[in-house]
Amino acid sequence: MVTSKGQLVIPVKLRRAYRIEPGTRVRFQGIRGGIAIYPKYEEAIQHYRGILAGLGLPEDIGRDPDRAIE
């Protein structure tokens, strides 16, 4: 059921399966015959960007991810 504010409840089984926690941003996409809801994991990735800084990783690892690390 959608509330008067346009809110809806995602069943707990699905929230657990897709690691959707309070505060997780989601995006809605129209698909044939319905609506798909996707967690916005890319925002979580940006949140942790730089967490490995200063650990001795090559500086260009982000710009050249396909090369072998020696």
PDB file of N, CA and C in Angstrom:
ATOM      1  N   MET A   1       0.842  -1.174   0.000  1.00  0.00           N
ATOM      2  CA  MET A   1       0.000   0.000   0.000  1.00  0.00           C
ATOM      3  C   MET A   1       0.895   1.247   0.000  1.00  0.00           C
ATOM      4  N   VAL A   2       0.530   2.201  -0.793  1.00  0.00           N
ATOM      5  CA  VAL A   2       1.242   3.473  -0.850  1.00  0.00           C
ATOM      6  C   VAL A   2       0.503   4.453   0.054  1.00  0.00           C
ATOM      7  N   THR A   3       1.247   5.171   0.913  1.00  0.00           N
ATOM      8  CA  THR A   3       0.626   6.133   1.814  1.00  0.00           C
ATOM      9  C   THR A   3       0.260   7.413   1.066  1.00  0.00           C
ATOM     10  N   SER A   4      -0.438   8.308   1.735  1.00  0.00           N
ATOM     11  CA  SER A   4      -0.815   9.582   1.124  1.00  0.00           C
ATOM     12  C   SER A   4       0.406  10.434   0.800  1.00  0.00           C
ATOM     13  N   LYS A   5       1.540  10.143   1.448  1.00  0.00           N
ATOM     14  CA  LYS A   5       2.787  10.863   1.173  1.00  0.00           C
ATOM     15  C   LYS A   5       3.599  10.192   0.067  1.00  0.00           C
ATOM     16  N   GLY A   6       3.078   9.113  -0.503  1.00  0.00           N
ATOM     17  CA  GLY A   6       3.786   8.410  -1.561  1.00  0.00           C
ATOM     18  C   GLY A   6       4.804   7.405  -1.044  1.00  0.00           C
ATOM     19  N   GLN A   7       4.776   7.096   0.238  1.00  0.00           N
ATOM     20  CA  GLN A   7       5.725   6.152   0.825  1.00  0.00           C
ATOM     21  C   GLN A   7       5.194   4.731   0.710  1.00  0.00           C
ATOM     22  N   LEU A   8       6.127   3.769   0.670  1.00  0.00           N
ATOM     23  CA  LEU A   8       5.728   2.371   0.666  1.00  0.00           C
ATOM     24  C   LEU A   8       6.698   1.564   1.525  1.00  0.00           C
ATOM     25  N   VAL A   9       6.282   0.365   1.885  1.00  0.00           N
ATOM     26  CA  VAL A   9       7.103  -0.501   2.730  1.00  0.00           C
ATOM     27  C   VAL A   9       7.724  -1.585   1.863  1.00  0.00           C
ATOM     28  N   ILE A  10       9.042  -1.752   1.974  1.00  0.00           N
ATOM     29  CA  ILE A  10       9.738  -2.845   1.295  1.00  0.00           C
ATOM     30  C   ILE A  10       9.758  -4.013   2.276  1.00  0.00           C
ATOM     31  N   PRO A  11       9.247  -5.170   1.895  1.00  0.00           N
ATOM     32  CA  PRO A  11       9.206  -6.304   2.822  1.00  0.00           C
ATOM     33  C   PRO A  11      10.584  -6.644   3.381  1.00  0.00           C
ATOM     34  N   VAL A  12      10.609  -7.052   4.646  1.00  0.00           N
ATOM     35  CA  VAL A  12      11.864  -7.314   5.350  1.00  0.00           C
ATOM     36  C   VAL A  12      12.720  -8.358   4.625  1.00  0.00           C
ATOM     37  N   LYS A  13      12.107  -9.356   4.048  1.00  0.00           N
ATOM     38  CA  LYS A  13      12.858 -10.400   3.324  1.00  0.00           C
ATOM     39  C   LYS A  13      13.669  -9.787   2.180  1.00  0.00           C
ATOM     40  N   LEU A  14      13.079  -8.848   1.467  1.00  0.00           N
ATOM     41  CA  LEU A  14      13.782  -8.185   0.362  1.00  0.00           C
ATOM     42  C   LEU A  14      14.822  -7.203   0.885  1.00  0.00           C
ATOM     43  N   ARG A  15      14.490  -6.470   1.958  1.00  0.00           N
ATOM     44  CA  ARG A  15      15.471  -5.539   2.529  1.00  0.00           C
ATOM     45  C   ARG A  15      16.712  -6.285   2.981  1.00  0.00           C
ATOM     46  N   ARG A  16      16.539  -7.423   3.604  1.00  0.00           N
ATOM     47  CA  ARG A  16      17.700  -8.213   4.053  1.00  0.00           C
ATOM     48  C   ARG A  16      18.484  -8.770   2.874  1.00  0.00           C
ATOM     49  N   ALA A  17      17.776  -9.293   1.882  1.00  0.00           N
ATOM     50  CA  ALA A  17      18.439  -9.902   0.724  1.00  0.00           C
ATOM     51  C   ALA A  17      19.279  -8.890  -0.046  1.00  0.00           C
ATOM     52  N   TYR A  18      18.821  -7.639  -0.091  1.00  0.00           N
ATOM     53  CA  TYR A  18      19.521  -6.622  -0.868  1.00  0.00           C
ATOM     54  C   TYR A  18      20.215  -5.582   0.009  1.00  0.00           C
ATOM     55  N   ARG A  19      20.364  -5.901   1.294  1.00  0.00           N
ATOM     56  CA  ARG A  19      21.058  -5.034   2.266  1.00  0.00           C
ATOM     57  C   ARG A  19      20.550  -3.596   2.217  1.00  0.00           C
ATOM     58  N   ILE A  20      19.236  -3.460   2.216  1.00  0.00           N
ATOM     59  CA  ILE A  20      18.628  -2.134   2.254  1.00  0.00           C
ATOM     60  C   ILE A  20      18.325  -1.825   3.716  1.00  0.00           C
ATOM     61  N   GLU A  21      19.032  -0.836   4.243  1.00  0.00           N
ATOM     62  CA  GLU A  21      18.887  -0.445   5.639  1.00  0.00           C
ATOM     63  C   GLU A  21      18.278   0.944   5.710  1.00  0.00           C
ATOM     64  N   PRO A  22      17.824   1.359   6.899  1.00  0.00           N
ATOM     65  CA  PRO A  22      17.310   2.729   7.010  1.00  0.00           C
ATOM     66  C   PRO A  22      18.344   3.728   6.501  1.00  0.00           C
ATOM     67  N   GLY A  23      17.913   4.626   5.656  1.00  0.00           N
ATOM     68  CA  GLY A  23      18.809   5.619   5.073  1.00  0.00           C
ATOM     69  C   GLY A  23      19.373   5.235   3.718  1.00  0.00           C
ATOM     70  N   THR A  24      19.232   3.961   3.316  1.00  0.00           N
ATOM     71  CA  THR A  24      19.712   3.538   2.000  1.00  0.00           C
ATOM     72  C   THR A  24      18.898   4.258   0.931  1.00  0.00           C
ATOM     73  N   ARG A  25      19.584   4.878   0.000  1.00  0.00           N
ATOM     74  CA  ARG A  25      18.889   5.548  -1.102  1.00  0.00           C
ATOM     75  C   ARG A  25      18.550   4.506  -2.156  1.00  0.00           C
ATOM     76  N   VAL A  26      17.417   4.683  -2.790  1.00  0.00           N
ATOM     77  CA  VAL A  26      16.990   3.780  -3.848  1.00  0.00           C
ATOM     78  C   VAL A  26      16.595   4.605  -5.060  1.00  0.00           C
ATOM     79  N   ARG A  27      16.587   3.947  -6.201  1.00  0.00           N
ATOM     80  CA  ARG A  27      16.096   4.612  -7.410  1.00  0.00           C
ATOM     81  C   ARG A  27      14.974   3.761  -7.984  1.00  0.00           C
ATOM     82  N   PHE A  28      14.039   4.423  -8.608  1.00  0.00           N
ATOM     83  CA  PHE A  28      12.894   3.753  -9.216  1.00  0.00           C
ATOM     84  C   PHE A  28      13.047   3.828 -10.724  1.00  0.00           C
ATOM     85  N   GLN A  29      12.693   2.736 -11.385  1.00  0.00           N
ATOM     86  CA  GLN A  29      12.772   2.716 -12.843  1.00  0.00           C
ATOM     87  C   GLN A  29      11.529   2.040 -13.386  1.00  0.00           C
ATOM     88  N   GLY A  30      10.907   2.691 -14.348  1.00  0.00           N
ATOM     89  CA  GLY A  30       9.756   2.080 -15.006  1.00  0.00           C
ATOM     90  C   GLY A  30      10.212   0.957 -15.914  1.00  0.00           C
ATOM     91  N   ILE A  31       9.594  -0.184 -15.767  1.00  0.00           N
ATOM     92  CA  ILE A  31       9.885  -1.335 -16.631  1.00  0.00           C
ATOM     93  C   ILE A  31       8.564  -1.823 -17.227  1.00  0.00           C
ATOM     94  N   ARG A  32       8.653  -2.695 -18.189  1.00  0.00           N
ATOM     95  CA  ARG A  32       7.446  -3.196 -18.825  1.00  0.00           C
ATOM     96  C   ARG A  32       6.533  -3.832 -17.773  1.00  0.00           C
ATOM     97  N   GLY A  33       5.379  -3.265 -17.602  1.00  0.00           N
ATOM     98  CA  GLY A  33       4.398  -3.831 -16.693  1.00  0.00           C
ATOM     99  C   GLY A  33       4.577  -3.470 -15.227  1.00  0.00           C
ATOM    100  N   GLY A  34       5.503  -2.575 -14.891  1.00  0.00           N
ATOM    101  CA  GLY A  34       5.660  -2.253 -13.478  1.00  0.00           C
ATOM    102  C   GLY A  34       6.764  -1.265 -13.183  1.00  0.00           C
ATOM    103  N   ILE A  35       7.219  -1.310 -11.957  1.00  0.00           N
ATOM    104  CA  ILE A  35       8.275  -0.423 -11.473  1.00  0.00           C
ATOM    105  C   ILE A  35       9.326  -1.275 -10.779  1.00  0.00           C
ATOM    106  N   ALA A  36      10.604  -1.027 -11.067  1.00  0.00           N
ATOM    107  CA  ALA A  36      11.710  -1.711 -10.389  1.00  0.00           C
ATOM    108  C   ALA A  36      12.339  -0.732  -9.402  1.00  0.00           C
ATOM    109  N   ILE A  37      12.748  -1.242  -8.251  1.00  0.00           N
ATOM    110  CA  ILE A  37      13.406  -0.435  -7.231  1.00  0.00           C
ATOM    111  C   ILE A  37      14.812  -0.983  -7.057  1.00  0.00           C
ATOM    112  N   TYR A  38      15.817  -0.109  -7.162  1.00  0.00           N
ATOM    113  CA  TYR A  38      17.207  -0.518  -7.050  1.00  0.00           C
ATOM    114  C   TYR A  38      17.898   0.266  -5.938  1.00  0.00           C
ATOM    115  N   PRO A  39      18.649  -0.427  -5.063  1.00  0.00           N
ATOM    116  CA  PRO A  39      19.463   0.305  -4.089  1.00  0.00           C
ATOM    117  C   PRO A  39      20.555   1.068  -4.836  1.00  0.00           C
ATOM    118  N   LYS A  40      20.906   2.240  -4.353  1.00  0.00           N
ATOM    119  CA  LYS A  40      21.953   3.047  -4.985  1.00  0.00           C
ATOM    120  C   LYS A  40      23.284   2.756  -4.312  1.00  0.00           C
ATOM    121  N   TYR A  41      23.883   1.614  -4.651  1.00  0.00           N
ATOM    122  CA  TYR A  41      25.150   1.219  -4.053  1.00  0.00           C
ATOM    123  C   TYR A  41      26.293   2.131  -4.468  1.00  0.00           C
ATOM    124  N   GLU A  42      26.196   2.740  -5.652  1.00  0.00           N
ATOM    125  CA  GLU A  42      27.287   3.598  -6.098  1.00  0.00           C
ATOM    126  C   GLU A  42      27.514   4.755  -5.128  1.00  0.00           C
ATOM    127  N   GLU A  43      26.469   5.223  -4.448  1.00  0.00           N
ATOM    128  CA  GLU A  43      26.649   6.264  -3.441  1.00  0.00           C
ATOM    129  C   GLU A  43      27.455   5.726  -2.262  1.00  0.00           C
ATOM    130  N   ALA A  44      27.217   4.474  -1.906  1.00  0.00           N
ATOM    131  CA  ALA A  44      27.982   3.866  -0.818  1.00  0.00           C
ATOM    132  C   ALA A  44      29.446   3.742  -1.203  1.00  0.00           C
ATOM    133  N   ILE A  45      29.713   3.422  -2.455  1.00  0.00           N
ATOM    134  CA  ILE A  45      31.094   3.319  -2.928  1.00  0.00           C
ATOM    135  C   ILE A  45      31.777   4.673  -2.814  1.00  0.00           C
ATOM    136  N   GLN A  46      31.097   5.732  -3.207  1.00  0.00           N
ATOM    137  CA  GLN A  46      31.676   7.071  -3.106  1.00  0.00           C
ATOM    138  C   GLN A  46      31.943   7.454  -1.646  1.00  0.00           C
ATOM    139  N   HIS A  47      31.094   6.966  -0.741  1.00  0.00           N
ATOM    140  CA  HIS A  47      31.270   7.253   0.687  1.00  0.00           C
ATOM    141  C   HIS A  47      32.609   6.710   1.192  1.00  0.00           C
ATOM    142  N   TYR A  48      33.014   5.542   0.692  1.00  0.00           N
ATOM    143  CA  TYR A  48      34.247   4.905   1.151  1.00  0.00           C
ATOM    144  C   TYR A  48      35.456   5.245   0.289  1.00  0.00           C
ATOM    145  N   ARG A  49      35.279   6.105  -0.685  1.00  0.00           N
ATOM    146  CA  ARG A  49      36.382   6.485  -1.567  1.00  0.00           C
ATOM    147  C   ARG A  49      37.500   7.106  -0.733  1.00  0.00           C
ATOM    148  N   GLY A  50      38.725   6.646  -0.944  1.00  0.00           N
ATOM    149  CA  GLY A  50      39.874   7.182  -0.234  1.00  0.00           C
ATOM    150  C   GLY A  50      40.191   6.455   1.056  1.00  0.00           C
ATOM    151  N   ILE A  51      39.420   5.445   1.417  1.00  0.00           N
ATOM    152  CA  ILE A  51      39.626   4.757   2.684  1.00  0.00           C
ATOM    153  C   ILE A  51      40.978   4.028   2.732  1.00  0.00           C
ATOM    154  N   LEU A  52      41.524   3.675   1.572  1.00  0.00           N
ATOM    155  CA  LEU A  52      42.807   2.973   1.520  1.00  0.00           C
ATOM    156  C   LEU A  52      43.987   3.923   1.311  1.00  0.00           C
ATOM    157  N   ALA A  53      43.734   5.210   1.340  1.00  0.00           N
ATOM    158  CA  ALA A  53      44.803   6.186   1.140  1.00  0.00           C
ATOM    159  C   ALA A  53      45.893   6.001   2.190  1.00  0.00           C
ATOM    160  N   GLY A  54      47.143   6.090   1.751  1.00  0.00           N
ATOM    161  CA  GLY A  54      48.268   5.991   2.667  1.00  0.00           C
ATOM    162  C   GLY A  54      48.680   4.574   3.009  1.00  0.00           C
ATOM    163  N   LEU A  55      48.130   3.581   2.316  1.00  0.00           N
ATOM    164  CA  LEU A  55      48.478   2.193   2.616  1.00  0.00           C
ATOM    165  C   LEU A  55      49.532   1.630   1.664  1.00  0.00           C
ATOM    166  N   GLY A  56      50.186   2.497   0.909  1.00  0.00           N
ATOM    167  CA  GLY A  56      51.266   2.053   0.041  1.00  0.00           C
ATOM    168  C   GLY A  56      50.807   1.499  -1.298  1.00  0.00           C
ATOM    169  N   LEU A  57      49.593   1.755  -1.701  1.00  0.00           N
ATOM    170  CA  LEU A  57      49.116   1.307  -3.005  1.00  0.00           C
ATOM    171  C   LEU A  57      49.667   2.225  -4.085  1.00  0.00           C
ATOM    172  N   PRO A  58      49.871   1.721  -5.298  1.00  0.00           N
ATOM    173  CA  PRO A  58      50.350   2.576  -6.381  1.00  0.00           C
ATOM    174  C   PRO A  58      49.395   3.742  -6.594  1.00  0.00           C
ATOM    175  N   GLU A  59      49.947   4.933  -6.845  1.00  0.00           N
ATOM    176  CA  GLU A  59      49.127   6.129  -7.008  1.00  0.00           C
ATOM    177  C   GLU A  59      48.167   6.038  -8.180  1.00  0.00           C
ATOM    178  N   ASP A  60      48.566   5.368  -9.258  1.00  0.00           N
ATOM    179  CA  ASP A  60      47.737   5.342 -10.455  1.00  0.00           C
ATOM    180  C   ASP A  60      46.792   4.143 -10.519  1.00  0.00           C
ATOM    181  N   ILE A  61      46.576   3.445  -9.418  1.00  0.00           N
ATOM    182  CA  ILE A  61      45.705   2.264  -9.433  1.00  0.00           C
ATOM    183  C   ILE A  61      44.285   2.623  -9.852  1.00  0.00           C
ATOM    184  N   GLY A  62      43.791   3.789  -9.470  1.00  0.00           N
ATOM    185  CA  GLY A  62      42.447   4.206  -9.846  1.00  0.00           C
ATOM    186  C   GLY A  62      42.327   4.604 -11.300  1.00  0.00           C
ATOM    187  N   ARG A  63      43.409   5.106 -11.854  1.00  0.00           N
ATOM    188  CA  ARG A  63      43.369   5.546 -13.248  1.00  0.00           C
ATOM    189  C   ARG A  63      43.696   4.431 -14.222  1.00  0.00           C
ATOM    190  N   ASP A  64      44.358   3.383 -13.769  1.00  0.00           N
ATOM    191  CA  ASP A  64      44.759   2.303 -14.646  1.00  0.00           C
ATOM    192  C   ASP A  64      44.449   0.964 -13.961  1.00  0.00           C
ATOM    193  N   PRO A  65      43.161   0.643 -13.752  1.00  0.00           N
ATOM    194  CA  PRO A  65      42.807  -0.531 -12.948  1.00  0.00           C
ATOM    195  C   PRO A  65      43.086  -1.886 -13.596  1.00  0.00           C
ATOM    196  N   ASP A  66      43.355  -1.924 -14.907  1.00  0.00           N
ATOM    197  CA  ASP A  66      43.558  -3.206 -15.566  1.00  0.00           C
ATOM    198  C   ASP A  66      45.007  -3.688 -15.572  1.00  0.00           C
ATOM    199  N   ARG A  67      45.911  -2.882 -15.093  1.00  0.00           N
ATOM    200  CA  ARG A  67      47.308  -3.305 -15.123  1.00  0.00           C
ATOM    201  C   ARG A  67      47.612  -4.194 -13.920  1.00  0.00           C
ATOM    202  N   ALA A  68      48.626  -5.014 -14.036  1.00  0.00           N
ATOM    203  CA  ALA A  68      49.027  -5.902 -12.938  1.00  0.00           C
ATOM    204  C   ALA A  68      49.728  -5.107 -11.857  1.00  0.00           C
ATOM    205  N   ILE A  69      49.405  -5.377 -10.626  1.00  0.00           N
ATOM    206  CA  ILE A  69      50.051  -4.727  -9.505  1.00  0.00           C
ATOM    207  C   ILE A  69      51.272  -5.557  -9.114  1.00  0.00           C
ATOM    208  N   GLU A  70      52.422  -4.919  -9.029  1.00  0.00           N
ATOM    209  CA  GLU A  70      53.660  -5.640  -8.707  1.00  0.00           C
ATOM    210  C   GLU A  70      54.054  -5.408  -7.267  1.00  0.00           C
TER     211      GLU A  70
END
